[in-house]
Amino acid sequence: MSTLSARPARPWPGSATSRPRPRWSPSRRRRLAADAALLLIAAAFLLPLAWLVLASIDSDATLRVSAPGSPTLDNFSAVWTDEITFTPMLNSLLLCGGATILTVTCAALAAYPLSRFRSRVVRPYLLTVLFTTCLPITAIMVPVYGLFVQVDLIDTMGGTALFLAASQLPFAIWLMKNFMDGVPVILEEAAWTDGASWLQSLTRVILPLMGPGITVVMIYSFIMMWGNFFVPFMLLLSPEQLPASVSIFTFFGNYGQVVYGQLAAFSILYSTPVLLLYVLISRRLGGGFALGGAVKG
C-alpha cells in the first residue's frame, strides 16, 4: 500500500501539467533573432568582398554583384604594369615600412618612462596624448603643408614618412605602455644588478618579452598608414613617388566613369601585402608573453 501511495498521480486530460511545452520558447526565439542579426552583419561584410572577387574577373563589371558570363584575367593583365602597380606598391612599402619602424621605435622609447617611473605628470601627459588622436587629420594638414614648404620637406618620401609616423605615434604609445606594464619590474632590477643600463634592460629584457605587443603595434600602425590617402596626396607631388593608396585614384574618371574591373583587380593586389604580413606574424599574435617561470626562484 505504501508503494502505491508513493506513485505520482496521473494528470487529468486537459490539465496544465499535461499540456505540451510551446515549440518556440522565448529563449529559442532570442537565440534565433541573434543568429539572424549575425547573419545580416556577416552578409554586410561578405557582399563587398564577393563583388571585389567577381568584378576582378569580369571584363564588363558594374556595381552589381553578379557572376561573370565569361571569366577572364584581362583586368589583372591591364594593371600588372610598372606604372600602375609595381612602382606605387614599392613606394607604399618604403613609405609605410619606414614610418612603421620609426613609430615602433619612438613608441617603445616613450612608453618606457611612462610605464616605469611614477610621477604626477604621467596621467595628464597620457590624457594629452590621447586627445591628440581625436584631432582630424584634415584640420592640421594646412599648417603642416606650410611647415613642410618652409623646411623643404614637401615632395619627399622621408618627410611624408616622418609625418605618418608622428600621426600614429600617440595611439602607439598608449598600446606600447599597456603591454610594457605587463613585464615585471623585478626582471629589470636583476639586469641592473648585473650592471646593465636602462637601455640594455629595455632592449634585452623588456622588448623580447613583449613580442606580441610589439607585433600588435606594428600591424596596427602599418595598416593605418597603408590605407592613408590624404597625407601622401597632399605632401607628395611627383607621380613617380605616389604610393598605391593615391595611384588607385587614377581608376576614377573626371566624368563619373570608373573602370570597375581594373579597380577591383588592383584592390586585390593592393590588399595582398597586408594579408601576407598578418599571415607571417600571426603565430606571434597567438602566443602570450613569455613570462612563465621568469620570476621564479
C-alpha atoms as a PDB file:
ATOM      1  CA  MET A   1       0.000   0.000   0.000  1.00  0.00           C
ATOM      2  CA  SER A   2       2.829   2.359   0.781  1.00  0.00           C
ATOM      3  CA  THR A   3       4.353   1.704  -2.607  1.00  0.00           C
ATOM      4  CA  LEU A   4       1.151   2.509  -4.416  1.00  0.00           C
ATOM      5  CA  SER A   5       0.599   5.685  -2.467  1.00  0.00           C
ATOM      6  CA  ALA A   6       4.099   6.921  -3.361  1.00  0.00           C
ATOM      7  CA  ARG A   7       3.402   6.908  -7.095  1.00  0.00           C
ATOM      8  CA  PRO A   8       2.593  10.309  -8.589  1.00  0.00           C
ATOM      9  CA  ALA A   9      -0.954  10.805  -9.672  1.00  0.00           C
ATOM     10  CA  ARG A  10      -1.558  10.858 -13.408  1.00  0.00           C
ATOM     11  CA  PRO A  11      -2.684  14.246 -14.652  1.00  0.00           C
ATOM     12  CA  TRP A  12      -6.211  14.630 -15.880  1.00  0.00           C
ATOM     13  CA  PRO A  13      -6.612  15.191 -19.636  1.00  0.00           C
ATOM     14  CA  GLY A  14      -6.649  18.901 -20.380  1.00  0.00           C
ATOM     15  CA  SER A  15      -4.906  19.883 -17.162  1.00  0.00           C
ATOM     16  CA  ALA A  16      -1.962  22.359 -17.138  1.00  0.00           C
ATOM     17  CA  THR A  17       0.587  19.654 -16.394  1.00  0.00           C
ATOM     18  CA  SER A  18      -0.433  17.564 -19.403  1.00  0.00           C
ATOM     19  CA  ARG A  19      -0.171  20.386 -21.925  1.00  0.00           C
ATOM     20  CA  PRO A  20       2.868  20.178 -24.291  1.00  0.00           C
ATOM     21  CA  ARG A  21       5.586  22.788 -23.995  1.00  0.00           C
ATOM     22  CA  PRO A  22       5.442  25.562 -26.595  1.00  0.00           C
ATOM     23  CA  ARG A  23       7.522  24.833 -29.671  1.00  0.00           C
ATOM     24  CA  TRP A  24       9.073  28.309 -29.821  1.00  0.00           C
ATOM     25  CA  SER A  25      10.184  29.190 -26.325  1.00  0.00           C
ATOM     26  CA  PRO A  26      11.318  32.774 -25.561  1.00  0.00           C
ATOM     27  CA  SER A  27      14.944  31.687 -25.165  1.00  0.00           C
ATOM     28  CA  ARG A  28      14.888  29.926 -28.523  1.00  0.00           C
ATOM     29  CA  ARG A  29      13.327  32.930 -30.224  1.00  0.00           C
ATOM     30  CA  ARG A  30      16.003  35.191 -28.772  1.00  0.00           C
ATOM     31  CA  ARG A  31      18.717  32.833 -29.964  1.00  0.00           C
ATOM     32  CA  LEU A  32      17.265  32.699 -33.472  1.00  0.00           C
ATOM     33  CA  ALA A  33      16.994  36.504 -33.551  1.00  0.00           C
ATOM     34  CA  ALA A  34      20.629  36.826 -32.506  1.00  0.00           C
ATOM     35  CA  ASP A  35      21.689  34.325 -35.185  1.00  0.00           C
ATOM     36  CA  ALA A  36      19.716  36.219 -37.827  1.00  0.00           C
ATOM     37  CA  ALA A  37      21.356  39.500 -36.799  1.00  0.00           C
ATOM     38  CA  LEU A  38      24.807  37.910 -37.007  1.00  0.00           C
ATOM     39  CA  LEU A  39      24.000  36.546 -40.457  1.00  0.00           C
ATOM     40  CA  LEU A  40      22.961  40.011 -41.631  1.00  0.00           C
ATOM     41  CA  ILE A  41      26.185  41.512 -40.303  1.00  0.00           C
ATOM     42  CA  ALA A  42      28.228  38.764 -41.975  1.00  0.00           C
ATOM     43  CA  ALA A  43      26.397  39.370 -45.265  1.00  0.00           C
ATOM     44  CA  ALA A  44      27.140  43.104 -45.000  1.00  0.00           C
ATOM     45  CA  PHE A  45      30.859  42.277 -44.797  1.00  0.00           C
ATOM     46  CA  LEU A  46      30.893  39.456 -47.342  1.00  0.00           C
ATOM     47  CA  LEU A  47      28.886  41.224 -50.031  1.00  0.00           C
ATOM     48  CA  PRO A  48      31.594  43.818 -50.887  1.00  0.00           C
ATOM     49  CA  LEU A  49      34.235  41.084 -50.865  1.00  0.00           C
ATOM     50  CA  ALA A  50      32.114  38.985 -53.222  1.00  0.00           C
ATOM     51  CA  TRP A  51      31.760  41.953 -55.575  1.00  0.00           C
ATOM     52  CA  LEU A  52      35.519  42.538 -55.425  1.00  0.00           C
ATOM     53  CA  VAL A  53      36.338  38.973 -56.449  1.00  0.00           C
ATOM     54  CA  LEU A  54      33.653  38.693 -59.128  1.00  0.00           C
ATOM     55  CA  ALA A  55      34.326  42.119 -60.645  1.00  0.00           C
ATOM     56  CA  SER A  56      38.062  41.426 -60.908  1.00  0.00           C
ATOM     57  CA  ILE A  57      37.423  38.578 -63.366  1.00  0.00           C
ATOM     58  CA  ASP A  58      34.637  40.332 -65.290  1.00  0.00           C
ATOM     59  CA  SER A  59      35.531  42.458 -68.297  1.00  0.00           C
ATOM     60  CA  ASP A  60      32.160  44.249 -68.140  1.00  0.00           C
ATOM     61  CA  ALA A  61      31.948  44.701 -64.377  1.00  0.00           C
ATOM     62  CA  THR A  62      29.479  47.119 -62.850  1.00  0.00           C
ATOM     63  CA  LEU A  63      28.378  47.922 -59.318  1.00  0.00           C
ATOM     64  CA  ARG A  64      26.031  44.937 -59.345  1.00  0.00           C
ATOM     65  CA  VAL A  65      27.136  41.698 -57.701  1.00  0.00           C
ATOM     66  CA  SER A  66      26.775  39.140 -60.472  1.00  0.00           C
ATOM     67  CA  ALA A  67      28.738  36.195 -61.762  1.00  0.00           C
ATOM     68  CA  PRO A  68      30.703  36.999 -64.922  1.00  0.00           C
ATOM     69  CA  GLY A  69      29.486  35.421 -68.128  1.00  0.00           C
ATOM     70  CA  SER A  70      33.000  34.553 -69.257  1.00  0.00           C
ATOM     71  CA  PRO A  71      35.628  34.856 -66.503  1.00  0.00           C
ATOM     72  CA  THR A  72      38.862  36.431 -67.649  1.00  0.00           C
ATOM     73  CA  LEU A  73      42.132  37.713 -66.202  1.00  0.00           C
ATOM     74  CA  ASP A  74      42.310  40.706 -68.539  1.00  0.00           C
ATOM     75  CA  ASN A  75      41.772  43.121 -65.651  1.00  0.00           C
ATOM     76  CA  PHE A  76      44.826  41.782 -63.842  1.00  0.00           C
ATOM     77  CA  SER A  77      46.858  41.917 -67.051  1.00  0.00           C
ATOM     78  CA  ALA A  78      45.844  45.551 -67.568  1.00  0.00           C
ATOM     79  CA  VAL A  79      47.025  46.651 -64.119  1.00  0.00           C
ATOM     80  CA  TRP A  80      50.060  44.348 -63.925  1.00  0.00           C
ATOM     81  CA  THR A  81      52.482  47.055 -65.081  1.00  0.00           C
ATOM     82  CA  ASP A  82      55.292  49.055 -63.546  1.00  0.00           C
ATOM     83  CA  GLU A  83      53.456  52.344 -63.804  1.00  0.00           C
ATOM     84  CA  ILE A  84      50.144  51.186 -62.325  1.00  0.00           C
ATOM     85  CA  THR A  85      51.114  48.540 -59.771  1.00  0.00           C
ATOM     86  CA  PHE A  86      54.785  47.818 -59.161  1.00  0.00           C
ATOM     87  CA  THR A  87      56.144  51.341 -58.684  1.00  0.00           C
ATOM     88  CA  PRO A  88      53.250  52.540 -56.440  1.00  0.00           C
ATOM     89  CA  MET A  89      53.395  49.313 -54.389  1.00  0.00           C
ATOM     90  CA  LEU A  90      57.140  49.717 -53.903  1.00  0.00           C
ATOM     91  CA  ASN A  91      56.609  53.326 -52.849  1.00  0.00           C
ATOM     92  CA  SER A  92      53.956  52.197 -50.361  1.00  0.00           C
ATOM     93  CA  LEU A  93      56.237  49.547 -48.896  1.00  0.00           C
ATOM     94  CA  LEU A  94      59.110  52.000 -48.476  1.00  0.00           C
ATOM     95  CA  LEU A  95      56.893  54.758 -47.101  1.00  0.00           C
ATOM     96  CA  CYS A  96      54.782  52.683 -44.703  1.00  0.00           C
ATOM     97  CA  GLY A  97      57.582  50.318 -43.721  1.00  0.00           C
ATOM     98  CA  GLY A  98      59.962  53.130 -42.782  1.00  0.00           C
ATOM     99  CA  ALA A  99      57.235  55.024 -40.939  1.00  0.00           C
ATOM    100  CA  THR A 100      56.215  51.868 -39.046  1.00  0.00           C
ATOM    101  CA  ILE A 101      59.771  51.200 -37.877  1.00  0.00           C
ATOM    102  CA  LEU A 102      60.083  54.816 -36.746  1.00  0.00           C
ATOM    103  CA  THR A 103      56.726  54.659 -34.940  1.00  0.00           C
ATOM    104  CA  VAL A 104      57.512  51.438 -33.052  1.00  0.00           C
ATOM    105  CA  THR A 105      60.965  52.694 -32.038  1.00  0.00           C
ATOM    106  CA  CYS A 106      59.729  56.045 -30.748  1.00  0.00           C
ATOM    107  CA  ALA A 107      56.730  54.430 -29.041  1.00  0.00           C
ATOM    108  CA  ALA A 108      58.970  51.991 -27.142  1.00  0.00           C
ATOM    109  CA  LEU A 109      61.296  54.768 -26.001  1.00  0.00           C
ATOM    110  CA  ALA A 110      58.359  56.953 -24.928  1.00  0.00           C
ATOM    111  CA  ALA A 111      56.413  54.165 -23.210  1.00  0.00           C
ATOM    112  CA  TYR A 112      59.349  53.030 -21.058  1.00  0.00           C
ATOM    113  CA  PRO A 113      59.494  56.063 -18.697  1.00  0.00           C
ATOM    114  CA  LEU A 114      55.695  56.290 -18.665  1.00  0.00           C
ATOM    115  CA  SER A 115      55.465  52.674 -17.545  1.00  0.00           C
ATOM    116  CA  ARG A 116      58.353  52.529 -15.076  1.00  0.00           C
ATOM    117  CA  PHE A 117      58.537  55.964 -13.427  1.00  0.00           C
ATOM    118  CA  ARG A 118      55.793  57.248 -11.145  1.00  0.00           C
ATOM    119  CA  SER A 119      55.014  60.949 -11.420  1.00  0.00           C
ATOM    120  CA  ARG A 120      52.062  63.289 -11.189  1.00  0.00           C
ATOM    121  CA  VAL A 121      52.520  64.386 -14.794  1.00  0.00           C
ATOM    122  CA  VAL A 122      52.209  60.880 -16.259  1.00  0.00           C
ATOM    123  CA  ARG A 123      48.421  60.752 -16.283  1.00  0.00           C
ATOM    124  CA  PRO A 124      47.917  64.311 -17.650  1.00  0.00           C
ATOM    125  CA  TYR A 125      50.539  63.569 -20.287  1.00  0.00           C
ATOM    126  CA  LEU A 126      48.781  60.348 -21.330  1.00  0.00           C
ATOM    127  CA  LEU A 127      45.444  62.152 -21.496  1.00  0.00           C
ATOM    128  CA  THR A 128      47.028  64.830 -23.670  1.00  0.00           C
ATOM    129  CA  VAL A 129      48.474  62.162 -25.937  1.00  0.00           C
ATOM    130  CA  LEU A 130      45.060  60.524 -26.150  1.00  0.00           C
ATOM    131  CA  PHE A 131      43.466  63.855 -27.012  1.00  0.00           C
ATOM    132  CA  THR A 132      45.796  64.267 -29.990  1.00  0.00           C
ATOM    133  CA  THR A 133      44.380  61.074 -31.504  1.00  0.00           C
ATOM    134  CA  CYS A 134      40.960  62.760 -31.661  1.00  0.00           C
ATOM    135  CA  LEU A 135      42.165  65.572 -33.913  1.00  0.00           C
ATOM    136  CA  PRO A 136      41.089  65.052 -37.547  1.00  0.00           C
ATOM    137  CA  ILE A 137      43.970  64.895 -39.971  1.00  0.00           C
ATOM    138  CA  THR A 138      42.286  67.418 -42.271  1.00  0.00           C
ATOM    139  CA  ALA A 139      42.347  70.050 -39.513  1.00  0.00           C
ATOM    140  CA  ILE A 140      46.140  70.109 -39.283  1.00  0.00           C
ATOM    141  CA  MET A 141      47.137  69.491 -42.899  1.00  0.00           C
ATOM    142  CA  VAL A 142      47.131  73.170 -43.856  1.00  0.00           C
ATOM    143  CA  PRO A 143      49.709  74.255 -41.227  1.00  0.00           C
ATOM    144  CA  VAL A 144      51.663  71.036 -41.812  1.00  0.00           C
ATOM    145  CA  TYR A 145      51.783  71.735 -45.536  1.00  0.00           C
ATOM    146  CA  GLY A 146      53.028  75.267 -44.893  1.00  0.00           C
ATOM    147  CA  LEU A 147      55.677  73.983 -42.487  1.00  0.00           C
ATOM    148  CA  PHE A 148      56.866  71.362 -44.961  1.00  0.00           C
ATOM    149  CA  VAL A 149      57.194  74.011 -47.654  1.00  0.00           C
ATOM    150  CA  GLN A 150      59.314  76.219 -45.356  1.00  0.00           C
ATOM    151  CA  VAL A 151      61.653  73.403 -44.234  1.00  0.00           C
ATOM    152  CA  ASP A 152      61.881  71.990 -47.786  1.00  0.00           C
ATOM    153  CA  LEU A 153      60.312  68.616 -46.935  1.00  0.00           C
ATOM    154  CA  ILE A 154      57.486  68.815 -49.434  1.00  0.00           C
ATOM    155  CA  ASP A 155      57.501  66.105 -52.121  1.00  0.00           C
ATOM    156  CA  THR A 156      59.973  63.946 -50.189  1.00  0.00           C
ATOM    157  CA  MET A 157      59.457  60.357 -49.058  1.00  0.00           C
ATOM    158  CA  GLY A 158      61.355  60.982 -45.830  1.00  0.00           C
ATOM    159  CA  GLY A 159      59.233  63.954 -44.806  1.00  0.00           C
ATOM    160  CA  THR A 160      55.993  62.127 -45.596  1.00  0.00           C
ATOM    161  CA  ALA A 161      57.123  59.061 -43.635  1.00  0.00           C
ATOM    162  CA  LEU A 162      58.037  61.330 -40.720  1.00  0.00           C
ATOM    163  CA  PHE A 163      54.576  62.862 -40.631  1.00  0.00           C
ATOM    164  CA  LEU A 164      52.854  59.475 -40.971  1.00  0.00           C
ATOM    165  CA  ALA A 165      54.887  58.181 -38.032  1.00  0.00           C
ATOM    166  CA  ALA A 166      54.027  61.248 -35.957  1.00  0.00           C
ATOM    167  CA  SER A 167      50.309  60.855 -36.704  1.00  0.00           C
ATOM    168  CA  GLN A 168      50.301  57.224 -35.491  1.00  0.00           C
ATOM    169  CA  LEU A 169      52.632  57.761 -32.539  1.00  0.00           C
ATOM    170  CA  PRO A 170      50.064  58.823 -29.865  1.00  0.00           C
ATOM    171  CA  PHE A 171      47.974  55.661 -30.071  1.00  0.00           C
ATOM    172  CA  ALA A 172      51.101  53.539 -30.459  1.00  0.00           C
ATOM    173  CA  ILE A 173      52.435  54.969 -27.180  1.00  0.00           C
ATOM    174  CA  TRP A 174      49.206  54.026 -25.407  1.00  0.00           C
ATOM    175  CA  LEU A 175      49.334  50.462 -26.731  1.00  0.00           C
ATOM    176  CA  MET A 176      53.036  50.052 -26.007  1.00  0.00           C
ATOM    177  CA  LYS A 177      52.689  51.303 -22.443  1.00  0.00           C
ATOM    178  CA  ASN A 178      49.847  48.880 -21.692  1.00  0.00           C
ATOM    179  CA  PHE A 179      51.904  45.954 -22.952  1.00  0.00           C
ATOM    180  CA  MET A 180      55.014  47.142 -21.132  1.00  0.00           C
ATOM    181  CA  ASP A 181      53.109  47.306 -17.832  1.00  0.00           C
ATOM    182  CA  GLY A 182      52.758  43.529 -18.011  1.00  0.00           C
ATOM    183  CA  VAL A 183      56.515  42.949 -17.751  1.00  0.00           C
ATOM    184  CA  PRO A 184      57.574  42.632 -14.080  1.00  0.00           C
ATOM    185  CA  VAL A 185      59.967  45.298 -12.830  1.00  0.00           C
ATOM    186  CA  ILE A 186      61.923  42.648 -10.910  1.00  0.00           C
ATOM    187  CA  LEU A 187      63.408  41.442 -14.187  1.00  0.00           C
ATOM    188  CA  GLU A 188      64.902  44.860 -14.833  1.00  0.00           C
ATOM    189  CA  GLU A 189      66.212  45.068 -11.297  1.00  0.00           C
ATOM    190  CA  ALA A 190      68.009  41.766 -11.820  1.00  0.00           C
ATOM    191  CA  ALA A 191      69.538  43.147 -15.013  1.00  0.00           C
ATOM    192  CA  TRP A 192      70.610  46.320 -13.219  1.00  0.00           C
ATOM    193  CA  THR A 193      72.245  44.204 -10.534  1.00  0.00           C
ATOM    194  CA  ASP A 194      74.320  42.567 -13.259  1.00  0.00           C
ATOM    195  CA  GLY A 195      75.467  46.002 -14.452  1.00  0.00           C
ATOM    196  CA  ALA A 196      73.031  46.602 -17.346  1.00  0.00           C
ATOM    197  CA  SER A 197      71.965  50.133 -18.192  1.00  0.00           C
ATOM    198  CA  TRP A 198      68.353  51.175 -18.708  1.00  0.00           C
ATOM    199  CA  LEU A 199      68.781  50.980 -22.480  1.00  0.00           C
ATOM    200  CA  GLN A 200      70.225  47.476 -22.244  1.00  0.00           C
ATOM    201  CA  SER A 201      67.424  46.348 -19.932  1.00  0.00           C
ATOM    202  CA  LEU A 202      64.898  47.777 -22.373  1.00  0.00           C
ATOM    203  CA  THR A 203      66.372  46.149 -25.480  1.00  0.00           C
ATOM    204  CA  ARG A 204      67.495  42.839 -23.940  1.00  0.00           C
ATOM    205  CA  VAL A 205      64.877  42.180 -21.258  1.00  0.00           C
ATOM    206  CA  ILE A 206      61.639  44.086 -21.802  1.00  0.00           C
ATOM    207  CA  LEU A 207      61.244  44.198 -25.579  1.00  0.00           C
ATOM    208  CA  PRO A 208      61.978  40.466 -26.140  1.00  0.00           C
ATOM    209  CA  LEU A 209      59.331  39.580 -23.544  1.00  0.00           C
ATOM    210  CA  MET A 210      56.662  41.796 -25.095  1.00  0.00           C
ATOM    211  CA  GLY A 211      56.990  40.452 -28.620  1.00  0.00           C
ATOM    212  CA  PRO A 212      53.209  40.022 -29.175  1.00  0.00           C
ATOM    213  CA  GLY A 213      52.623  43.594 -28.017  1.00  0.00           C
ATOM    214  CA  ILE A 214      55.201  44.981 -30.428  1.00  0.00           C
ATOM    215  CA  THR A 215      53.624  42.899 -33.177  1.00  0.00           C
ATOM    216  CA  VAL A 216      50.196  44.367 -32.463  1.00  0.00           C
ATOM    217  CA  VAL A 217      51.552  47.916 -32.536  1.00  0.00           C
ATOM    218  CA  MET A 218      53.440  47.221 -35.750  1.00  0.00           C
ATOM    219  CA  ILE A 219      50.449  45.676 -37.532  1.00  0.00           C
ATOM    220  CA  TYR A 220      48.085  48.430 -36.425  1.00  0.00           C
ATOM    221  CA  SER A 221      50.461  51.210 -37.464  1.00  0.00           C
ATOM    222  CA  PHE A 222      51.275  49.616 -40.810  1.00  0.00           C
ATOM    223  CA  ILE A 223      47.627  49.013 -41.719  1.00  0.00           C
ATOM    224  CA  MET A 224      46.612  52.552 -40.792  1.00  0.00           C
ATOM    225  CA  MET A 225      49.444  54.006 -42.860  1.00  0.00           C
ATOM    226  CA  TRP A 226      48.890  51.611 -45.759  1.00  0.00           C
ATOM    227  CA  GLY A 227      45.337  52.835 -46.277  1.00  0.00           C
ATOM    228  CA  ASN A 228      46.108  56.527 -45.750  1.00  0.00           C
ATOM    229  CA  PHE A 229      45.187  58.517 -48.846  1.00  0.00           C
ATOM    230  CA  PHE A 230      45.036  62.145 -47.769  1.00  0.00           C
ATOM    231  CA  VAL A 231      48.533  62.619 -46.315  1.00  0.00           C
ATOM    232  CA  PRO A 232      50.595  61.351 -49.297  1.00  0.00           C
ATOM    233  CA  PHE A 233      48.116  63.024 -51.672  1.00  0.00           C
ATOM    234  CA  MET A 234      48.909  66.384 -50.060  1.00  0.00           C
ATOM    235  CA  LEU A 235      52.636  66.033 -49.350  1.00  0.00           C
ATOM    236  CA  LEU A 236      53.820  64.126 -52.444  1.00  0.00           C
ATOM    237  CA  LEU A 237      53.631  65.880 -55.795  1.00  0.00           C
ATOM    238  CA  SER A 238      55.755  63.808 -58.179  1.00  0.00           C
ATOM    239  CA  PRO A 239      53.803  60.986 -59.889  1.00  0.00           C
ATOM    240  CA  GLU A 240      56.748  58.593 -59.588  1.00  0.00           C
ATOM    241  CA  GLN A 241      56.687  58.924 -55.777  1.00  0.00           C
ATOM    242  CA  LEU A 242      52.966  58.365 -55.209  1.00  0.00           C
ATOM    243  CA  PRO A 243      52.047  55.264 -53.203  1.00  0.00           C
ATOM    244  CA  ALA A 244      49.366  52.786 -54.189  1.00  0.00           C
ATOM    245  CA  SER A 245      46.786  54.413 -51.912  1.00  0.00           C
ATOM    246  CA  VAL A 246      46.953  57.516 -54.125  1.00  0.00           C
ATOM    247  CA  SER A 247      47.502  55.878 -57.509  1.00  0.00           C
ATOM    248  CA  ILE A 248      44.208  53.998 -57.092  1.00  0.00           C
ATOM    249  CA  PHE A 249      42.569  57.375 -57.683  1.00  0.00           C
ATOM    250  CA  THR A 250      43.545  57.130 -61.344  1.00  0.00           C
ATOM    251  CA  PHE A 251      40.845  54.499 -61.969  1.00  0.00           C
ATOM    252  CA  PHE A 252      38.169  57.141 -61.369  1.00  0.00           C
ATOM    253  CA  GLY A 253      37.452  59.318 -64.375  1.00  0.00           C
ATOM    254  CA  ASN A 254      36.620  63.007 -64.377  1.00  0.00           C
ATOM    255  CA  TYR A 255      33.029  62.463 -65.538  1.00  0.00           C
ATOM    256  CA  GLY A 256      31.940  59.668 -63.228  1.00  0.00           C
ATOM    257  CA  GLN A 257      33.352  56.886 -65.386  1.00  0.00           C
ATOM    258  CA  VAL A 258      35.044  54.133 -63.404  1.00  0.00           C
ATOM    259  CA  VAL A 259      36.803  51.063 -64.737  1.00  0.00           C
ATOM    260  CA  TYR A 260      35.308  48.741 -62.138  1.00  0.00           C
ATOM    261  CA  GLY A 261      37.050  45.567 -63.301  1.00  0.00           C
ATOM    262  CA  GLN A 262      40.544  47.037 -63.182  1.00  0.00           C
ATOM    263  CA  LEU A 263      39.712  48.827 -59.923  1.00  0.00           C
ATOM    264  CA  ALA A 264      38.717  45.507 -58.319  1.00  0.00           C
ATOM    265  CA  ALA A 265      41.824  43.745 -59.649  1.00  0.00           C
ATOM    266  CA  PHE A 266      44.091  46.495 -58.358  1.00  0.00           C
ATOM    267  CA  SER A 267      42.308  46.459 -54.982  1.00  0.00           C
ATOM    268  CA  ILE A 268      43.029  42.750 -54.586  1.00  0.00           C
ATOM    269  CA  LEU A 269      46.700  43.287 -55.401  1.00  0.00           C
ATOM    270  CA  TYR A 270      46.762  46.313 -53.090  1.00  0.00           C
ATOM    271  CA  SER A 271      45.447  44.330 -50.101  1.00  0.00           C
ATOM    272  CA  THR A 272      47.827  41.395 -50.623  1.00  0.00           C
ATOM    273  CA  PRO A 273      50.851  42.786 -48.663  1.00  0.00           C
ATOM    274  CA  VAL A 274      48.731  43.450 -45.572  1.00  0.00           C
ATOM    275  CA  LEU A 275      47.288  39.925 -45.665  1.00  0.00           C
ATOM    276  CA  LEU A 276      50.737  38.409 -46.108  1.00  0.00           C
ATOM    277  CA  LEU A 277      52.073  40.462 -43.201  1.00  0.00           C
ATOM    278  CA  TYR A 278      49.307  39.218 -40.943  1.00  0.00           C
ATOM    279  CA  VAL A 279      49.793  35.581 -42.005  1.00  0.00           C
ATOM    280  CA  LEU A 280      53.557  35.712 -41.463  1.00  0.00           C
ATOM    281  CA  ILE A 281      53.372  37.057 -37.923  1.00  0.00           C
ATOM    282  CA  SER A 282      50.043  35.569 -36.798  1.00  0.00           C
ATOM    283  CA  ARG A 283      51.906  32.981 -34.748  1.00  0.00           C
ATOM    284  CA  ARG A 284      53.392  35.688 -32.564  1.00  0.00           C
ATOM    285  CA  LEU A 285      49.940  37.119 -32.033  1.00  0.00           C
ATOM    286  CA  GLY A 286      48.645  33.756 -30.859  1.00  0.00           C
ATOM    287  CA  GLY A 287      51.261  33.387 -28.150  1.00  0.00           C
ATOM    288  CA  GLY A 288      51.232  35.201 -24.848  1.00  0.00           C
ATOM    289  CA  PHE A 289      54.060  36.964 -23.136  1.00  0.00           C
ATOM    290  CA  ALA A 290      56.991  34.702 -22.424  1.00  0.00           C
ATOM    291  CA  LEU A 291      56.950  35.319 -18.686  1.00  0.00           C
ATOM    292  CA  GLY A 292      56.259  31.819 -17.493  1.00  0.00           C
ATOM    293  CA  GLY A 293      58.848  30.966 -14.847  1.00  0.00           C
ATOM    294  CA  ALA A 294      60.764  34.185 -15.406  1.00  0.00           C
ATOM    295  CA  VAL A 295      60.294  35.435 -11.860  1.00  0.00           C
ATOM    296  CA  LYS A 296      60.655  32.098 -10.051  1.00  0.00           C
ATOM    297  CA  GLY A 297      63.490  31.473  -7.666  1.00  0.00           C
END
